[in-house]
Amino acid sequence: MKKDRVAEIINKRMLTTGVGILQLLEDNFGDLWGETKEETELTDEEKRLDQLYNKVRSQILDHTHIQRSKLIKEVKDHYGDK
């Protein structure tokens, strides 16, 4: 398998993993931050939890992106010009 194909597969799987984690959090805990409510209907606690979730969401996406980039680089370095 060529390095570009391996990198493409890694990219896709890492993105799917990161987004899948977020979906699981939203499906199981979204009610805590009033996910289905209008912003004007949120309680103070739901607003606080929504802000916390968005912070964690951003960190998960950033971490996934960083690790994906590192892994792709490692694969390309390992395969060289193969």
N, C-alpha and C. Protein backbone atom coordinates (compact mmCIF):
# COMPACT_ATOMS: atom_id res chain seq x y z
N MET A 1 0.85 -1.17 0.00
CA MET A 1 0.00 0.00 0.00
C MET A 1 0.90 1.24 0.00
N LYS A 2 0.58 2.20 -0.82
CA LYS A 2 1.40 3.40 -0.95
C LYS A 2 1.16 4.35 0.21
N LYS A 3 2.19 5.16 0.51
CA LYS A 3 2.12 6.06 1.67
C LYS A 3 0.96 7.04 1.57
N ASP A 4 0.66 7.55 0.38
CA ASP A 4 -0.45 8.50 0.25
C ASP A 4 -1.79 7.85 0.56
N ARG A 5 -1.94 6.59 0.19
CA ARG A 5 -3.18 5.87 0.49
C ARG A 5 -3.30 5.61 1.99
N VAL A 6 -2.19 5.22 2.61
CA VAL A 6 -2.19 4.99 4.06
C VAL A 6 -2.51 6.29 4.78
N ALA A 7 -1.91 7.39 4.34
CA ALA A 7 -2.18 8.70 4.95
C ALA A 7 -3.64 9.08 4.79
N GLU A 8 -4.22 8.80 3.65
CA GLU A 8 -5.64 9.09 3.39
C GLU A 8 -6.54 8.29 4.33
N ILE A 9 -6.22 7.02 4.52
CA ILE A 9 -7.00 6.17 5.41
C ILE A 9 -6.89 6.67 6.86
N ILE A 10 -5.69 6.99 7.28
CA ILE A 10 -5.49 7.50 8.64
C ILE A 10 -6.27 8.79 8.84
N ASN A 11 -6.18 9.68 7.89
CA ASN A 11 -6.88 10.96 7.97
C ASN A 11 -8.38 10.74 8.17
N LYS A 12 -8.94 9.89 7.35
CA LYS A 12 -10.38 9.61 7.41
C LYS A 12 -10.77 8.98 8.74
N ARG A 13 -10.01 8.00 9.20
CA ARG A 13 -10.33 7.28 10.44
C ARG A 13 -10.19 8.19 11.66
N MET A 14 -9.16 9.03 11.67
CA MET A 14 -8.97 9.93 12.81
C MET A 14 -10.09 10.96 12.88
N LEU A 15 -10.48 11.50 11.74
CA LEU A 15 -11.57 12.46 11.72
C LEU A 15 -12.87 11.81 12.17
N THR A 16 -13.12 10.61 11.68
CA THR A 16 -14.32 9.88 12.06
C THR A 16 -14.33 9.59 13.55
N THR A 17 -13.19 9.25 14.11
CA THR A 17 -13.09 8.97 15.54
C THR A 17 -13.39 10.22 16.35
N GLY A 18 -12.77 11.35 16.01
CA GLY A 18 -12.99 12.59 16.75
C GLY A 18 -14.44 13.03 16.70
N VAL A 19 -15.02 13.01 15.53
CA VAL A 19 -16.43 13.42 15.38
C VAL A 19 -17.34 12.42 16.07
N GLY A 20 -17.02 11.15 16.00
CA GLY A 20 -17.82 10.12 16.67
C GLY A 20 -17.84 10.29 18.18
N ILE A 21 -16.70 10.66 18.76
CA ILE A 21 -16.63 10.92 20.20
C ILE A 21 -17.56 12.07 20.57
N LEU A 22 -17.51 13.13 19.78
CA LEU A 22 -18.38 14.28 20.05
C LEU A 22 -19.85 13.90 19.94
N GLN A 23 -20.18 13.09 18.96
CA GLN A 23 -21.57 12.66 18.79
C GLN A 23 -22.04 11.84 19.98
N LEU A 24 -21.18 10.97 20.49
CA LEU A 24 -21.53 10.18 21.67
C LEU A 24 -21.77 11.07 22.88
N LEU A 25 -20.93 12.07 23.06
CA LEU A 25 -21.11 13.01 24.17
C LEU A 25 -22.44 13.75 24.03
N GLU A 26 -22.72 14.23 22.83
CA GLU A 26 -23.96 14.97 22.60
C GLU A 26 -25.19 14.08 22.79
N ASP A 27 -25.13 12.87 22.27
CA ASP A 27 -26.26 11.94 22.40
C ASP A 27 -26.56 11.58 23.85
N ASN A 28 -25.51 11.42 24.64
CA ASN A 28 -25.68 10.95 26.01
C ASN A 28 -25.77 12.04 27.07
N PHE A 29 -25.22 13.22 26.77
CA PHE A 29 -25.18 14.28 27.77
C PHE A 29 -25.74 15.61 27.30
N GLY A 30 -26.19 15.68 26.07
CA GLY A 30 -26.68 16.94 25.49
C GLY A 30 -27.80 17.59 26.27
N ASP A 31 -28.61 16.79 26.93
CA ASP A 31 -29.70 17.34 27.74
C ASP A 31 -29.17 18.20 28.88
N LEU A 32 -27.97 17.90 29.35
CA LEU A 32 -27.39 18.66 30.46
C LEU A 32 -27.15 20.12 30.09
N TRP A 33 -26.81 20.37 28.83
CA TRP A 33 -26.58 21.75 28.39
C TRP A 33 -27.69 22.26 27.46
N GLY A 34 -28.83 21.61 27.53
CA GLY A 34 -30.00 22.08 26.79
C GLY A 34 -29.81 22.09 25.29
N GLU A 35 -29.19 21.03 24.80
CA GLU A 35 -28.85 20.94 23.38
C GLU A 35 -30.04 21.16 22.44
N THR A 36 -31.21 20.73 22.84
CA THR A 36 -32.37 20.85 21.95
C THR A 36 -33.19 22.12 22.20
N LYS A 37 -32.75 22.93 23.14
CA LYS A 37 -33.49 24.16 23.47
C LYS A 37 -32.94 25.36 22.69
N GLU A 38 -33.78 26.37 22.58
CA GLU A 38 -33.33 27.66 22.04
C GLU A 38 -32.44 28.32 23.10
N GLU A 39 -31.51 29.13 22.66
CA GLU A 39 -30.59 29.77 23.60
C GLU A 39 -31.32 30.60 24.65
N THR A 40 -32.40 31.23 24.26
CA THR A 40 -33.16 32.07 25.20
C THR A 40 -33.89 31.26 26.27
N GLU A 41 -34.01 29.95 26.06
CA GLU A 41 -34.71 29.07 27.01
C GLU A 41 -33.77 28.41 28.02
N LEU A 42 -32.47 28.57 27.85
CA LEU A 42 -31.50 27.88 28.69
C LEU A 42 -31.46 28.46 30.10
N THR A 43 -31.32 27.56 31.08
CA THR A 43 -31.09 27.99 32.46
C THR A 43 -29.64 28.44 32.59
N ASP A 44 -29.32 29.08 33.70
CA ASP A 44 -27.92 29.49 33.93
C ASP A 44 -26.99 28.29 33.96
N GLU A 45 -27.45 27.21 34.58
CA GLU A 45 -26.64 25.99 34.66
C GLU A 45 -26.44 25.39 33.26
N GLU A 46 -27.45 25.37 32.44
CA GLU A 46 -27.32 24.85 31.07
C GLU A 46 -26.36 25.72 30.25
N LYS A 47 -26.42 27.01 30.46
CA LYS A 47 -25.50 27.92 29.76
C LYS A 47 -24.05 27.64 30.17
N ARG A 48 -23.86 27.43 31.49
CA ARG A 48 -22.52 27.14 31.99
C ARG A 48 -22.01 25.81 31.43
N LEU A 49 -22.86 24.80 31.42
CA LEU A 49 -22.46 23.50 30.89
C LEU A 49 -22.25 23.55 29.37
N ASP A 50 -23.02 24.36 28.67
CA ASP A 50 -22.83 24.52 27.23
C ASP A 50 -21.47 25.15 26.93
N GLN A 51 -21.09 26.14 27.72
CA GLN A 51 -19.78 26.76 27.54
C GLN A 51 -18.66 25.76 27.83
N LEU A 52 -18.85 24.98 28.87
CA LEU A 52 -17.86 23.95 29.21
C LEU A 52 -17.77 22.91 28.10
N TYR A 53 -18.92 22.45 27.60
CA TYR A 53 -18.91 21.47 26.52
C TYR A 53 -18.20 22.02 25.29
N ASN A 54 -18.49 23.26 24.93
CA ASN A 54 -17.86 23.85 23.74
C ASN A 54 -16.35 23.97 23.91
N LYS A 55 -15.90 24.24 25.13
CA LYS A 55 -14.46 24.29 25.40
C LYS A 55 -13.84 22.90 25.20
N VAL A 56 -14.48 21.89 25.80
CA VAL A 56 -13.98 20.51 25.68
C VAL A 56 -14.06 20.04 24.23
N ARG A 57 -15.12 20.39 23.54
CA ARG A 57 -15.30 20.02 22.13
C ARG A 57 -14.14 20.56 21.30
N SER A 58 -13.81 21.81 21.52
CA SER A 58 -12.71 22.44 20.80
C SER A 58 -11.38 21.74 21.11
N GLN A 59 -11.18 21.38 22.37
CA GLN A 59 -9.95 20.69 22.76
C GLN A 59 -9.87 19.30 22.12
N ILE A 60 -10.99 18.60 22.05
CA ILE A 60 -11.01 17.28 21.42
C ILE A 60 -10.67 17.41 19.94
N LEU A 61 -11.28 18.37 19.26
CA LEU A 61 -11.00 18.56 17.83
C LEU A 61 -9.55 18.96 17.60
N ASP A 62 -9.02 19.86 18.43
CA ASP A 62 -7.62 20.27 18.30
C ASP A 62 -6.69 19.09 18.52
N HIS A 63 -6.94 18.32 19.57
CA HIS A 63 -6.10 17.18 19.89
C HIS A 63 -6.15 16.13 18.77
N THR A 64 -7.34 15.88 18.27
CA THR A 64 -7.50 14.93 17.16
C THR A 64 -6.71 15.40 15.94
N HIS A 65 -6.80 16.68 15.63
CA HIS A 65 -6.08 17.23 14.47
C HIS A 65 -4.57 17.10 14.66
N ILE A 66 -4.08 17.44 15.83
CA ILE A 66 -2.63 17.36 16.10
C ILE A 66 -2.14 15.92 15.98
N GLN A 67 -2.85 14.99 16.61
CA GLN A 67 -2.43 13.59 16.57
C GLN A 67 -2.53 13.01 15.16
N ARG A 68 -3.57 13.41 14.42
CA ARG A 68 -3.73 12.95 13.04
C ARG A 68 -2.55 13.42 12.20
N SER A 69 -2.19 14.69 12.34
CA SER A 69 -1.07 15.24 11.57
C SER A 69 0.24 14.54 11.91
N LYS A 70 0.46 14.29 13.21
CA LYS A 70 1.68 13.59 13.63
C LYS A 70 1.73 12.17 13.06
N LEU A 71 0.61 11.48 13.12
CA LEU A 71 0.56 10.10 12.63
C LEU A 71 0.79 10.04 11.12
N ILE A 72 0.18 10.95 10.38
CA ILE A 72 0.38 10.98 8.93
C ILE A 72 1.84 11.25 8.61
N LYS A 73 2.47 12.18 9.34
CA LYS A 73 3.88 12.48 9.11
C LYS A 73 4.75 11.26 9.39
N GLU A 74 4.45 10.56 10.50
CA GLU A 74 5.21 9.36 10.83
C GLU A 74 5.09 8.30 9.75
N VAL A 75 3.89 8.10 9.23
CA VAL A 75 3.70 7.11 8.17
C VAL A 75 4.48 7.51 6.93
N LYS A 76 4.38 8.76 6.55
CA LYS A 76 5.10 9.22 5.35
C LYS A 76 6.60 9.12 5.54
N ASP A 77 7.08 9.45 6.76
CA ASP A 77 8.52 9.33 7.05
C ASP A 77 8.95 7.86 6.99
N HIS A 78 8.12 6.98 7.52
CA HIS A 78 8.44 5.55 7.54
C HIS A 78 8.48 4.98 6.12
N TYR A 79 7.50 5.33 5.32
CA TYR A 79 7.42 4.79 3.95
C TYR A 79 8.40 5.46 3.01
N GLY A 80 8.84 6.65 3.34
CA GLY A 80 9.77 7.37 2.47
C GLY A 80 9.16 7.54 1.10
N ASP A 81 9.88 7.20 0.05
CA ASP A 81 9.41 7.35 -1.32
C ASP A 81 8.81 6.07 -1.86
N LYS A 82 8.45 5.16 -1.01
CA LYS A 82 7.89 3.87 -1.44
C LYS A 82 6.54 4.05 -2.08
